N, C-alpha and C. Protein backbone atom coordinates (compact mmCIF):
# COMPACT_ATOMS: atom_id res chain seq x y z
N MET A 1 55.36 13.68 -9.36
CA MET A 1 54.37 14.70 -9.37
C MET A 1 53.05 14.23 -8.73
N THR A 2 53.12 13.59 -7.70
CA THR A 2 51.92 13.21 -6.97
C THR A 2 51.69 14.18 -5.83
N SER A 3 50.45 14.40 -5.53
CA SER A 3 50.13 15.29 -4.42
C SER A 3 49.10 14.62 -3.52
N ILE A 4 49.20 14.87 -2.27
CA ILE A 4 48.28 14.31 -1.29
C ILE A 4 47.38 15.44 -0.81
N HIS A 5 46.06 15.23 -0.96
CA HIS A 5 45.10 16.23 -0.51
C HIS A 5 44.41 15.72 0.74
N THR A 6 44.35 16.55 1.71
CA THR A 6 43.63 16.21 2.93
C THR A 6 42.23 16.78 2.81
N THR A 7 41.26 15.92 3.00
CA THR A 7 39.88 16.36 2.93
C THR A 7 39.35 16.53 4.34
N LEU A 8 38.88 17.71 4.63
CA LEU A 8 38.31 17.99 5.93
C LEU A 8 36.80 17.93 5.81
N ALA A 9 36.22 16.84 6.26
CA ALA A 9 34.77 16.66 6.18
C ALA A 9 34.25 16.26 7.55
N TYR A 10 33.04 16.71 7.86
CA TYR A 10 32.44 16.37 9.14
C TYR A 10 30.93 16.38 8.99
N LEU A 11 30.26 15.77 9.92
CA LEU A 11 28.80 15.81 9.98
C LEU A 11 28.43 16.61 11.22
N ASP A 12 27.78 17.73 11.02
CA ASP A 12 27.33 18.51 12.17
C ASP A 12 25.95 18.04 12.62
N ALA A 13 25.42 18.67 13.63
CA ALA A 13 24.13 18.26 14.19
C ALA A 13 22.99 18.40 13.16
N GLY A 14 23.03 19.40 12.33
CA GLY A 14 22.01 19.59 11.30
C GLY A 14 22.01 18.46 10.29
N SER A 15 23.17 18.00 9.90
CA SER A 15 23.26 16.88 8.94
C SER A 15 22.73 15.60 9.56
N GLY A 16 23.06 15.36 10.82
CA GLY A 16 22.59 14.15 11.50
C GLY A 16 21.07 14.15 11.64
N SER A 17 20.48 15.30 11.99
CA SER A 17 19.02 15.33 12.12
C SER A 17 18.34 15.20 10.77
N MET A 18 18.96 15.70 9.71
CA MET A 18 18.39 15.55 8.37
C MET A 18 18.41 14.08 7.95
N ILE A 19 19.47 13.38 8.23
CA ILE A 19 19.56 11.96 7.91
C ILE A 19 18.52 11.17 8.70
N ALA A 20 18.36 11.51 9.99
CA ALA A 20 17.36 10.83 10.82
C ALA A 20 15.95 11.11 10.29
N GLN A 21 15.69 12.35 9.87
CA GLN A 21 14.37 12.71 9.34
C GLN A 21 14.08 11.98 8.03
N ILE A 22 15.07 11.82 7.19
CA ILE A 22 14.89 11.08 5.94
C ILE A 22 14.57 9.61 6.23
N LEU A 23 15.26 9.02 7.19
CA LEU A 23 15.01 7.62 7.54
C LEU A 23 13.61 7.43 8.12
N VAL A 24 13.20 8.29 9.05
CA VAL A 24 11.87 8.18 9.66
C VAL A 24 10.79 8.41 8.61
N GLY A 25 10.97 9.40 7.74
CA GLY A 25 10.00 9.66 6.67
C GLY A 25 9.91 8.50 5.70
N GLY A 26 11.02 7.87 5.41
CA GLY A 26 11.02 6.71 4.51
C GLY A 26 10.25 5.54 5.09
N PHE A 27 10.45 5.28 6.40
CA PHE A 27 9.71 4.20 7.06
C PHE A 27 8.21 4.52 7.12
N ALA A 28 7.87 5.78 7.37
CA ALA A 28 6.46 6.17 7.42
C ALA A 28 5.81 6.01 6.04
N ALA A 29 6.50 6.43 4.99
CA ALA A 29 5.97 6.29 3.64
C ALA A 29 5.81 4.82 3.25
N ALA A 30 6.76 3.99 3.64
CA ALA A 30 6.65 2.55 3.35
C ALA A 30 5.46 1.94 4.09
N GLY A 31 5.23 2.37 5.32
CA GLY A 31 4.08 1.87 6.08
C GLY A 31 2.76 2.26 5.46
N VAL A 32 2.65 3.51 4.99
CA VAL A 32 1.42 3.96 4.35
C VAL A 32 1.20 3.22 3.04
N ALA A 33 2.25 3.03 2.27
CA ALA A 33 2.13 2.30 1.00
C ALA A 33 1.72 0.85 1.25
N LEU A 34 2.28 0.24 2.28
CA LEU A 34 1.91 -1.13 2.62
C LEU A 34 0.45 -1.22 3.03
N LYS A 35 -0.01 -0.24 3.80
CA LYS A 35 -1.41 -0.23 4.23
C LYS A 35 -2.35 -0.04 3.03
N MET A 36 -1.96 0.80 2.09
CA MET A 36 -2.82 1.06 0.93
C MET A 36 -2.93 -0.16 0.02
N TYR A 37 -1.86 -0.89 -0.15
CA TYR A 37 -1.84 -2.01 -1.08
C TYR A 37 -1.92 -3.37 -0.38
N TRP A 38 -2.35 -3.42 0.88
CA TRP A 38 -2.34 -4.66 1.65
C TRP A 38 -3.25 -5.72 1.02
N LYS A 39 -4.44 -5.34 0.54
CA LYS A 39 -5.35 -6.32 -0.06
C LYS A 39 -4.75 -6.94 -1.32
N ARG A 40 -4.08 -6.12 -2.12
CA ARG A 40 -3.45 -6.66 -3.33
C ARG A 40 -2.31 -7.61 -2.99
N ILE A 41 -1.52 -7.23 -2.01
CA ILE A 41 -0.40 -8.09 -1.59
C ILE A 41 -0.94 -9.39 -1.02
N LYS A 42 -1.96 -9.30 -0.17
CA LYS A 42 -2.55 -10.49 0.43
C LYS A 42 -3.20 -11.37 -0.63
N GLY A 43 -3.86 -10.77 -1.61
CA GLY A 43 -4.48 -11.53 -2.69
C GLY A 43 -3.45 -12.21 -3.59
N PHE A 44 -2.30 -11.57 -3.77
CA PHE A 44 -1.25 -12.14 -4.60
C PHE A 44 -0.68 -13.41 -3.98
N PHE A 45 -0.51 -13.41 -2.66
CA PHE A 45 0.05 -14.57 -1.98
C PHE A 45 -1.01 -15.53 -1.47
N GLY A 46 -2.27 -15.11 -1.45
CA GLY A 46 -3.35 -15.95 -0.93
C GLY A 46 -3.91 -16.88 -1.99
N ARG A 47 -4.93 -17.61 -1.61
CA ARG A 47 -5.56 -18.56 -2.52
C ARG A 47 -6.67 -17.92 -3.35
N GLY A 48 -7.14 -16.75 -2.95
CA GLY A 48 -8.19 -16.09 -3.70
C GLY A 48 -9.58 -16.34 -3.15
N ASP A 49 -9.73 -17.17 -2.11
CA ASP A 49 -11.03 -17.46 -1.53
C ASP A 49 -11.57 -16.25 -0.78
N ASP A 50 -10.70 -15.44 -0.21
CA ASP A 50 -11.13 -14.31 0.61
C ASP A 50 -11.86 -13.26 -0.23
N GLU A 51 -11.45 -13.08 -1.48
CA GLU A 51 -12.06 -12.06 -2.33
C GLU A 51 -13.52 -12.40 -2.62
N GLU A 52 -13.80 -13.66 -2.92
CA GLU A 52 -15.18 -14.06 -3.20
C GLU A 52 -16.04 -13.95 -1.96
N ALA A 53 -15.52 -14.33 -0.82
CA ALA A 53 -16.29 -14.27 0.43
C ALA A 53 -16.59 -12.83 0.81
N SER A 54 -15.62 -11.93 0.62
CA SER A 54 -15.86 -10.53 0.98
C SER A 54 -16.85 -9.89 0.03
N THR A 55 -16.87 -10.29 -1.25
CA THR A 55 -17.82 -9.75 -2.20
C THR A 55 -19.24 -10.17 -1.83
N VAL A 56 -19.43 -11.42 -1.44
CA VAL A 56 -20.75 -11.90 -1.04
C VAL A 56 -21.19 -11.20 0.24
N ALA A 57 -20.29 -11.07 1.20
CA ALA A 57 -20.63 -10.42 2.47
C ALA A 57 -21.00 -8.96 2.25
N THR A 58 -20.29 -8.27 1.37
CA THR A 58 -20.58 -6.87 1.09
C THR A 58 -21.92 -6.73 0.40
N ALA A 59 -22.22 -7.62 -0.55
CA ALA A 59 -23.48 -7.53 -1.29
C ALA A 59 -24.66 -7.76 -0.36
N THR A 60 -24.56 -8.70 0.57
CA THR A 60 -25.68 -8.94 1.48
C THR A 60 -25.77 -7.87 2.55
N ALA A 61 -24.65 -7.26 2.92
CA ALA A 61 -24.67 -6.23 3.95
C ALA A 61 -25.27 -4.92 3.41
N ASP A 62 -25.09 -4.65 2.11
CA ASP A 62 -25.59 -3.41 1.53
C ASP A 62 -27.09 -3.46 1.26
N LYS A 63 -27.65 -4.64 1.08
CA LYS A 63 -29.06 -4.77 0.75
C LYS A 63 -29.91 -4.58 2.01
N PRO A 64 -30.88 -3.65 2.00
CA PRO A 64 -31.72 -3.45 3.20
C PRO A 64 -32.71 -4.61 3.37
N ALA A 65 -33.07 -4.84 4.60
CA ALA A 65 -34.05 -5.90 4.89
C ALA A 65 -35.44 -5.43 4.44
N ASP A 66 -36.34 -6.42 4.23
CA ASP A 66 -37.69 -6.10 3.76
C ASP A 66 -38.51 -5.33 4.79
N HIS A 67 -38.27 -5.58 6.06
CA HIS A 67 -39.07 -4.98 7.10
C HIS A 67 -38.56 -3.60 7.53
N ASP A 68 -37.43 -3.14 6.96
CA ASP A 68 -36.92 -1.82 7.32
C ASP A 68 -37.70 -0.75 6.60
N THR A 69 -38.29 0.16 7.34
CA THR A 69 -39.01 1.29 6.76
C THR A 69 -38.48 2.56 7.37
N PRO A 70 -38.45 3.64 6.63
CA PRO A 70 -37.95 4.90 7.18
C PRO A 70 -38.87 5.41 8.29
N GLN A 71 -38.28 5.99 9.30
CA GLN A 71 -39.06 6.57 10.40
C GLN A 71 -39.35 8.03 10.08
N SER A 72 -40.57 8.50 10.42
CA SER A 72 -40.88 9.90 10.18
C SER A 72 -40.91 10.67 11.45
């Protein structure tokens, strides 16, 4: 009492383009996520010196010089 079933399956052009779109979208999403979390990833594998240097550079860059006066 065994039966053999033939399965007729195919991938049409719409299925192929959907698979390609999923792959491209996945790579794009991974790239955006990598860009967003790059400092955390770099800090995790780095020595930690870059964070202190960037904090000092940002603090001095934000402070206006004494001789800067607004122009009227």
